[in-house]
Amino acid sequence: MTSRTRDTVALFAIASLAILAVLYADADLGQIFEGILAHW
């Protein structure tokens, strides 16, 4: 994996978490994060 690919994946992950945080602002973010990690 090149550094450019790794940076792209990292940016995508950060953007996805930011979108989830906005969409589920009233939900428990810790529970959402655990759910995301469970898929990996």
Protein backbone atom coordinates (compact mmCIF):
# COMPACT_ATOMS: atom_id res chain seq x y z
CA MET A 1 0.00 0.00 0.00
CA THR A 2 1.48 3.32 -1.03
CA SER A 3 1.44 6.32 1.26
CA ARG A 4 -1.01 8.04 -1.09
CA THR A 5 -3.42 5.12 -0.85
CA ARG A 6 -3.02 5.02 2.93
CA ASP A 7 -3.72 8.77 3.16
CA THR A 8 -6.81 8.39 0.97
CA VAL A 9 -8.14 5.56 3.13
CA ALA A 10 -7.47 7.57 6.30
CA LEU A 11 -9.26 10.63 4.90
CA PHE A 12 -12.22 8.49 3.86
CA ALA A 13 -12.42 6.95 7.33
CA ILE A 14 -12.27 10.36 9.02
CA ALA A 15 -14.92 11.78 6.68
CA SER A 16 -17.17 8.76 7.28
CA LEU A 17 -16.90 9.15 11.04
CA ALA A 18 -17.63 12.88 10.76
CA ILE A 19 -20.75 12.19 8.68
CA LEU A 20 -21.91 9.55 11.17
CA ALA A 21 -21.32 11.97 14.04
CA VAL A 22 -23.52 14.57 12.33
CA LEU A 23 -26.26 12.14 11.33
CA TYR A 24 -26.39 10.41 14.71
CA ALA A 25 -25.56 13.36 16.98
CA ASP A 26 -28.16 12.24 19.52
CA ALA A 27 -27.01 8.61 19.45
CA ASP A 28 -24.24 7.12 21.56
CA LEU A 29 -21.10 7.67 19.45
CA GLY A 30 -19.19 5.02 21.38
CA GLN A 31 -21.76 2.41 20.44
CA ILE A 32 -21.65 3.50 16.78
CA PHE A 33 -17.84 3.31 16.78
CA GLU A 34 -17.93 -0.20 18.25
CA GLY A 35 -20.40 -1.19 15.54
CA ILE A 36 -18.07 0.10 12.84
CA LEU A 37 -15.12 -1.79 14.31
CA ALA A 38 -17.20 -4.95 14.54
CA HIS A 39 -17.47 -4.99 10.73
CA TRP A 40 -13.67 -5.09 10.48
